Amino acid sequence: MGTPVQHQDGSDEESGSADFFDSQKAQARHYKSLQEIYKTKKPNKAAVTQLLNLEFESRRQFINSDAIKEQDRAVKILEAYPCFRELDHVLDELRRIIQPSNLKYISEMKDRWEIFYSKVQFYGVMKKVMKPPKTLDAVEHAAAVFKALPMLFPSSTVPPKKLGICSEAFFHVIKTSEDPEGYLRQRPLACPVLLVSEGNCMIAVGTTPVSTFDRKDLNEGLLYLMAYYYALHLTYPKCISTLLSVLQTEILNDSIHDRDSTPSYRKAL
């Protein structure tokens, strides 16, 4: 995984504890500036992005530390960094983590996803886990693909009984009579999930609603979920770990450690 370029005062050749503490102080100042921006009614997006670039190192140390329990991670990180409620900023964080020097990373990732998405539809129909998408609209089409994905890239672990099918680990269509908050409270997994309602799509982590986006962009929803897994440093649920590992390597272009490579993942590739 690449290391982002740090914008620090002084020569790159200087080293030692003094430089380390100078860097820590500078990053603390950047974080304070970020907090001030979010006190304004309309935070300047470009200014937020610049500060997130400058403060990257200390932010990742905070987020990746064992000091935050996984079940508390989303709430604590979003309190500290409300910018991650915005999809553009969370996608940018994904880029910083995986390919910090590639400013075209997000558009390239979306291109890879489009190719993968179309291949999966053909493969799903061929494997008879999907019906040919005849009269489906874009949202119904995406929903059909999402339901098929865990069957095309199965994990050896079954989902919790209360969850039902594996796709419910990352995706759920809210019924007219269903309350989204009530659904999240009774959900047996705390991982990121896409909720689709008649009005929009929502991403939630645990019982915390995080972000919303337009239904027409549902087909990109899995990319947004992956960005949250990375930005918030969350663990893949075992029942969809093969699928998410395939997305990690094939769409995000991020390598997977051998110790994390399961037989199901190797078979899927």
Protein backbone atom coordinates (compact mmCIF):
# COMPACT_ATOMS: atom_id res chain seq x y z
CA MET A 1 0.00 0.00 0.00
CA GLY A 2 1.45 3.36 -0.99
CA THR A 3 2.44 6.12 1.38
CA PRO A 4 1.03 9.57 0.65
CA VAL A 5 3.34 12.50 0.14
CA GLN A 6 3.45 14.51 3.34
CA HIS A 7 3.55 18.30 3.02
CA GLN A 8 5.80 19.31 5.89
CA ASP A 9 8.00 22.30 6.62
CA GLY A 10 11.76 21.83 6.53
CA SER A 11 14.11 19.61 4.54
CA ASP A 12 13.21 16.01 3.74
CA GLU A 13 16.73 15.05 4.73
CA GLU A 14 16.26 16.15 8.33
CA SER A 15 15.19 13.35 10.63
CA GLY A 16 14.78 12.52 14.29
CA SER A 17 12.32 13.15 17.05
CA ALA A 18 12.23 16.94 16.54
CA ASP A 19 10.92 16.48 12.99
CA PHE A 20 8.41 13.90 14.18
CA PHE A 21 7.00 16.24 16.81
CA ASP A 22 6.98 19.16 14.32
CA SER A 23 4.97 16.97 11.95
CA GLN A 24 2.57 15.96 14.73
CA LYS A 25 2.10 19.61 15.71
CA ALA A 26 1.48 20.63 12.09
CA GLN A 27 -1.08 17.86 11.62
CA ALA A 28 -2.81 18.84 14.88
CA ARG A 29 -3.09 22.40 13.50
CA HIS A 30 -4.57 21.05 10.27
CA TYR A 31 -7.14 19.05 12.24
CA LYS A 32 -8.10 22.14 14.24
CA SER A 33 -8.57 24.06 10.96
CA LEU A 34 -10.75 21.22 9.68
CA GLN A 35 -12.93 21.45 12.79
CA GLU A 36 -13.30 25.21 12.30
CA ILE A 37 -14.40 24.74 8.68
CA TYR A 38 -17.17 22.36 9.80
CA LYS A 39 -18.54 25.00 12.15
CA THR A 40 -19.47 27.09 9.12
CA LYS A 41 -22.84 26.66 7.35
CA LYS A 42 -21.33 25.63 4.03
CA PRO A 43 -17.83 24.06 4.40
CA ASN A 44 -15.51 24.82 1.47
CA LYS A 45 -14.98 21.47 -0.25
CA ALA A 46 -11.57 22.30 -1.75
CA ALA A 47 -10.26 23.55 1.61
CA VAL A 48 -11.51 20.38 3.34
CA THR A 49 -9.80 18.19 0.72
CA GLN A 50 -6.50 20.04 1.13
CA LEU A 51 -6.60 19.69 4.93
CA LEU A 52 -7.48 16.00 4.66
CA ASN A 53 -4.41 15.56 2.42
CA LEU A 54 -2.17 17.34 4.94
CA GLU A 55 -3.56 15.56 8.00
CA PHE A 56 -3.65 12.06 6.46
CA GLU A 57 -0.91 10.42 8.52
CA SER A 58 -2.18 11.27 12.00
CA ARG A 59 -5.78 10.59 10.94
CA ARG A 60 -4.97 7.06 9.80
CA GLN A 61 -3.02 6.43 13.03
CA PHE A 62 -6.11 7.46 15.00
CA ILE A 63 -8.55 5.45 12.87
CA ASN A 64 -6.41 2.31 12.63
CA SER A 65 -5.48 2.24 16.32
CA ASP A 66 -6.79 -0.46 18.64
CA ALA A 67 -8.01 2.30 20.95
CA ILE A 68 -11.34 2.39 19.09
CA LYS A 69 -13.47 -0.74 19.35
CA GLU A 70 -14.94 -1.85 16.02
CA GLN A 71 -18.54 -1.45 17.24
CA ASP A 72 -17.83 2.19 18.24
CA ARG A 73 -15.66 3.01 15.24
CA ALA A 74 -18.24 4.58 12.91
CA VAL A 75 -19.75 6.89 15.56
CA LYS A 76 -16.39 8.07 16.95
CA ILE A 77 -14.77 8.62 13.55
CA LEU A 78 -17.77 10.47 12.13
CA GLU A 79 -17.83 12.69 15.24
CA ALA A 80 -14.16 13.50 14.67
CA TYR A 81 -14.47 13.72 10.86
CA PRO A 82 -18.01 14.75 9.80
CA CYS A 83 -16.61 15.19 6.27
CA PHE A 84 -16.84 11.40 5.86
CA ARG A 85 -20.62 11.70 5.73
CA GLU A 86 -20.01 13.06 2.21
CA LEU A 87 -19.39 10.46 -0.49
CA ASP A 88 -16.85 12.58 -2.41
CA HIS A 89 -14.64 12.86 0.68
CA VAL A 90 -14.91 9.18 1.59
CA LEU A 91 -14.03 8.16 -2.00
CA ASP A 92 -11.07 10.54 -1.87
CA GLU A 93 -9.92 8.86 1.34
CA LEU A 94 -10.05 5.50 -0.45
CA ARG A 95 -7.74 6.96 -3.12
CA ARG A 96 -5.33 8.32 -0.48
CA ILE A 97 -5.09 4.89 1.13
CA ILE A 98 -4.65 2.81 -2.05
CA GLN A 99 -3.13 5.04 -4.77
CA PRO A 100 -2.38 8.47 -3.25
CA SER A 101 -0.47 9.80 -6.25
CA ASN A 102 -3.07 8.77 -8.86
CA LEU A 103 -5.59 11.61 -9.15
CA LYS A 104 -7.58 9.61 -11.74
CA TYR A 105 -7.97 6.65 -9.39
CA ILE A 106 -11.71 7.08 -8.69
CA SER A 107 -12.69 7.44 -12.36
CA GLU A 108 -10.48 4.43 -13.27
CA MET A 109 -12.06 2.40 -10.46
CA LYS A 110 -15.55 3.28 -11.75
CA ASP A 111 -14.51 2.19 -15.26
CA ARG A 112 -13.30 -1.18 -13.91
CA TRP A 113 -16.57 -1.56 -12.01
CA GLU A 114 -18.66 -0.90 -15.18
CA ILE A 115 -16.83 -3.68 -17.03
CA PHE A 116 -17.14 -6.05 -14.06
CA TYR A 117 -20.84 -5.16 -13.60
CA SER A 118 -21.70 -6.02 -17.22
CA LYS A 119 -19.70 -9.30 -17.10
CA VAL A 120 -21.39 -10.31 -13.85
CA GLN A 121 -24.84 -9.92 -15.44
CA PHE A 122 -23.91 -12.29 -18.26
CA TYR A 123 -22.29 -14.72 -15.81
CA GLY A 124 -25.30 -14.52 -13.45
CA VAL A 125 -27.78 -15.40 -16.22
CA MET A 126 -25.51 -18.21 -17.43
CA LYS A 127 -25.25 -19.65 -13.89
CA LYS A 128 -29.05 -19.25 -13.49
CA VAL A 129 -28.78 -17.07 -10.38
CA MET A 130 -30.23 -14.13 -12.35
CA LYS A 131 -33.04 -13.76 -14.86
CA PRO A 132 -32.34 -11.88 -18.11
CA PRO A 133 -32.97 -8.17 -17.33
CA LYS A 134 -35.84 -7.59 -19.76
CA THR A 135 -38.10 -4.90 -18.34
CA LEU A 136 -36.19 -4.02 -15.19
CA ASP A 137 -35.45 -0.36 -14.51
CA ALA A 138 -31.93 0.65 -13.40
CA VAL A 139 -32.71 0.27 -9.68
CA GLU A 140 -34.36 -3.16 -10.06
CA HIS A 141 -31.49 -4.19 -12.30
CA ALA A 142 -28.86 -3.18 -9.70
CA ALA A 143 -30.87 -4.94 -6.96
CA ALA A 144 -30.91 -8.15 -9.03
CA VAL A 145 -27.14 -7.96 -9.58
CA PHE A 146 -26.46 -7.31 -5.88
CA LYS A 147 -28.59 -10.29 -4.84
CA ALA A 148 -26.71 -12.52 -7.29
CA LEU A 149 -23.17 -11.41 -6.38
CA PRO A 150 -22.73 -13.49 -3.17
CA MET A 151 -23.95 -16.57 -5.09
CA LEU A 152 -21.40 -15.94 -7.84
CA PHE A 153 -18.60 -15.33 -5.31
CA PRO A 154 -19.68 -17.48 -2.35
CA SER A 155 -18.02 -17.59 1.06
CA SER A 156 -17.77 -20.78 3.11
CA THR A 157 -19.47 -19.10 6.11
CA VAL A 158 -23.26 -18.93 6.15
CA PRO A 159 -24.95 -15.64 7.14
CA PRO A 160 -26.57 -15.25 10.58
CA LYS A 161 -30.00 -16.97 10.54
CA LYS A 162 -31.78 -13.71 11.35
CA LEU A 163 -30.20 -12.10 8.27
CA GLY A 164 -31.52 -14.65 5.79
CA ILE A 165 -29.59 -14.47 2.50
CA CYS A 166 -25.97 -13.28 2.12
CA SER A 167 -26.82 -10.18 0.06
CA GLU A 168 -28.64 -8.78 3.13
CA ALA A 169 -25.17 -8.36 4.68
CA PHE A 170 -24.62 -5.35 2.40
CA PHE A 171 -27.94 -4.52 0.75
CA HIS A 172 -31.61 -4.24 1.76
CA VAL A 173 -34.71 -2.87 0.04
CA ILE A 174 -36.90 -1.08 2.60
CA LYS A 175 -40.51 -2.20 2.32
CA THR A 176 -43.28 0.42 2.38
CA SER A 177 -44.36 -0.73 5.86
CA GLU A 178 -40.78 -0.94 7.17
CA ASP A 179 -39.03 1.64 9.36
CA PRO A 180 -35.33 2.03 8.36
CA GLU A 181 -34.22 2.81 11.94
CA GLY A 182 -36.15 -0.18 13.26
CA TYR A 183 -34.56 -2.40 10.60
CA LEU A 184 -31.05 -1.24 11.55
CA ARG A 185 -31.69 -1.86 15.26
CA GLN A 186 -32.71 -5.48 14.71
CA ARG A 187 -30.03 -6.23 12.10
CA PRO A 188 -27.60 -8.92 13.36
CA LEU A 189 -24.53 -7.39 11.63
CA ALA A 190 -22.98 -3.96 12.27
CA CYS A 191 -21.12 -3.71 8.94
CA PRO A 192 -21.86 -1.04 6.28
CA VAL A 193 -25.16 -1.60 4.47
CA LEU A 194 -27.02 -0.04 1.53
CA LEU A 195 -30.68 0.68 2.24
CA VAL A 196 -32.91 1.40 -0.75
CA SER A 197 -36.20 3.21 -0.19
CA GLU A 198 -38.72 4.79 -2.57
CA GLY A 199 -37.09 8.20 -2.13
CA ASN A 200 -33.34 7.55 -2.08
CA CYS A 201 -30.49 5.24 -1.08
CA MET A 202 -28.82 5.39 2.31
CA ILE A 203 -25.56 4.01 3.67
CA ALA A 204 -25.58 3.05 7.34
CA VAL A 205 -22.94 1.52 9.61
CA GLY A 206 -24.35 -0.35 12.58
CA THR A 207 -27.39 1.68 13.65
CA THR A 208 -25.86 4.94 12.37
CA PRO A 209 -27.20 6.47 9.11
CA VAL A 210 -24.12 7.93 7.41
CA SER A 211 -24.88 9.20 3.92
CA THR A 212 -27.59 9.32 1.26
CA PHE A 213 -27.45 9.34 -2.53
CA ASP A 214 -29.79 9.22 -5.52
CA ARG A 215 -31.45 5.94 -6.48
CA LYS A 216 -30.16 6.28 -10.06
CA ASP A 217 -26.61 5.77 -8.70
CA LEU A 218 -27.46 2.53 -6.88
CA ASN A 219 -25.31 0.50 -9.28
CA GLU A 220 -22.25 2.30 -7.80
CA GLY A 221 -23.43 1.69 -4.24
CA LEU A 222 -21.00 -1.17 -3.63
CA LEU A 223 -18.07 1.14 -4.44
CA TYR A 224 -19.32 3.56 -1.77
CA LEU A 225 -19.59 0.70 0.74
CA MET A 226 -16.02 -0.39 -0.01
CA ALA A 227 -14.86 3.20 0.52
CA TYR A 228 -16.45 3.15 3.99
CA TYR A 229 -14.80 -0.18 4.83
CA TYR A 230 -11.45 1.47 4.07
CA ALA A 231 -12.06 4.95 5.49
CA LEU A 232 -13.42 3.59 8.79
CA HIS A 233 -11.03 0.60 8.88
CA LEU A 234 -13.77 -2.04 9.22
CA THR A 235 -13.60 -5.84 8.98
CA TYR A 236 -15.42 -7.76 6.24
CA PRO A 237 -18.26 -10.01 7.50
CA LYS A 238 -17.27 -13.64 6.89
CA CYS A 239 -20.45 -14.44 4.94
CA ILE A 240 -19.50 -11.97 2.14
CA SER A 241 -15.71 -11.89 2.61
CA THR A 242 -15.06 -13.64 -0.73
CA LEU A 243 -17.16 -11.11 -2.67
CA LEU A 244 -15.58 -8.10 -0.93
CA SER A 245 -12.08 -9.55 -1.39
CA VAL A 246 -12.76 -9.95 -5.13
CA LEU A 247 -13.91 -6.30 -5.29
CA GLN A 248 -10.81 -5.28 -3.33
CA THR A 249 -8.40 -6.87 -5.80
CA GLU A 250 -10.28 -6.61 -9.11
CA ILE A 251 -12.05 -3.24 -8.78
CA LEU A 252 -10.10 -1.31 -6.13
CA ASN A 253 -6.77 -2.69 -7.41
CA ASP A 254 -5.60 -3.28 -3.85
CA SER A 255 -3.60 -6.42 -3.10
CA ILE A 256 -4.78 -8.93 -0.55
CA HIS A 257 -2.48 -10.46 2.07
CA ASP A 258 -1.86 -14.19 1.67
CA ARG A 259 -3.11 -14.77 5.23
CA ASP A 260 -6.44 -13.16 4.24
CA SER A 261 -6.73 -15.17 1.05
CA THR A 262 -9.32 -17.89 1.72
CA PRO A 263 -9.86 -21.02 -0.44
CA SER A 264 -13.23 -19.50 -1.51
CA TYR A 265 -11.47 -16.33 -2.70
CA ARG A 266 -8.82 -18.28 -4.64
CA LYS A 267 -11.55 -20.42 -6.23
CA ALA A 268 -13.56 -17.31 -7.17
CA LEU A 269 -10.63 -15.96 -9.15
